[in-house]
Amino acid sequence: MPPMRAPRLVPALLCLLATGALMGGCGGGSGSEESTSGSGGTAESRPAPPSSEFPSPEGRSLRELLKAADARAEVLVEAAAEVFYPGKNRYPFEILDEDRNPISDAEVALYYARVPQPKAGARSRSGNRGPAARAETQALDEPAVGPFPAKVESLATKPEFRAASTAEDPDAAGVVYSTELSFPSDGEWRIAAILKEAGELKGALLATAVVGEFEKVPQPGQKAPVIHTPTAQDAGGDLSKITTRAPPDTQNKVDFADALGKEPIVLLFATPQFCQSRVCGPVVDVAEQAKHEYGDKAAFIHMEIYNENDPAEKVRPQVRAFHLPSEPWLFTIDRQGIVRDAVEGAFGLKLMHRAVDEAIAR
């Protein structure tokens, strides 16, 4: 298995689009569902804006749609997931300014177009040369599908569940954007974003989504793999061996194998100290608050990514057993050992509650 990687990250400042003058910044949204103090300052959850606020493709290609925007976005719109299947998919992403500071109040919708199958060569990541890279460019001239407006999910927790390692990380995310994309089949799909700011529309490109690439990741309805997870007792009381959160979280009291098939399980794969996308600290905080809220209704287990908590080492065998190509990942598992929800990327308390409720109801 290749080393753990963050989701493919592609800057929005690509020279593929001949749009107008560059514009800075992004934001200005209003109307929040909730507002609490999060890792990146004020973290607000907001519903997705109406589809009518974004242009309809009306038979246009992805390139034409982006050229019709008033400007090219001077922000980074970065995918926060790697694993997609035919049908409906939660698509999480982040929006960062040119200094990689999180932007938490953008109004944005996504679009996609099919990447033509290259005649030769393997699938590439954006930026590689060869037939696959040319096919990704050709995708801009394929019919655009959308818009898919994105909601804002807050990663905030109550202060007592916010780790020092999260609070002291200036790059820790405070929100994640998400929408639902429905892919008709396996294959590659080019993703674009239209952001609305101060009455203007600004275009950006994201990485290509590869549907059907990671088929071995456990899906809802499947049996969960049997793994052993280290406990505080295994660590001899030295919790730094099994968690990089500071202070250590309390999601390490149960071995997954001992709980599987006996009680609901909430299993979180994340490394707060080494997560490239800086969302792992906040989501471990979210899980820590949920553990407090649910008590003994489910076994909460936080599993670190790297052997000896060192990115220079290989990923832990538990990560390999779940065939995970990225982090973080949340799995909720019912009393029969069946996966009820699998969530890739960052998530807030609302999604956590939904996933846990689904597992304990069975």
Foldseek 3Di string as FASTA:
>chain_A
DDFFDFAFFDFQPDPLADADDEDFDFADADDFPDWDQFLQGIAGWFDADDQVVADDLVQAFLRVRQNPFREAYQWTKEWGDAAAAAFKDKTKIFIAHPVRRGDRGWKKWKKKFAQDDFPDDDADKAPDDDRNNVSLSCRRRGRIDDTWIKIKFALHDPPVLQFPLSNPDNNADGIMIITMDHHRHFHKMWMKMWIADPNGTHIGTYIIHGHPPQPQQAAFPDFDDADWAAACVNVVNPCVQWAVTVVRAHLGHDTRNVQALAAKEKEKEAHCVDAPNNHRSSQVSQLSVVCVVCPPNYRYHYGYFAHSSDSVGGGDVVCVSSPDNHDIWIWIAANRRGTHHIDGGHHHNVVVVVRNCRRSVD
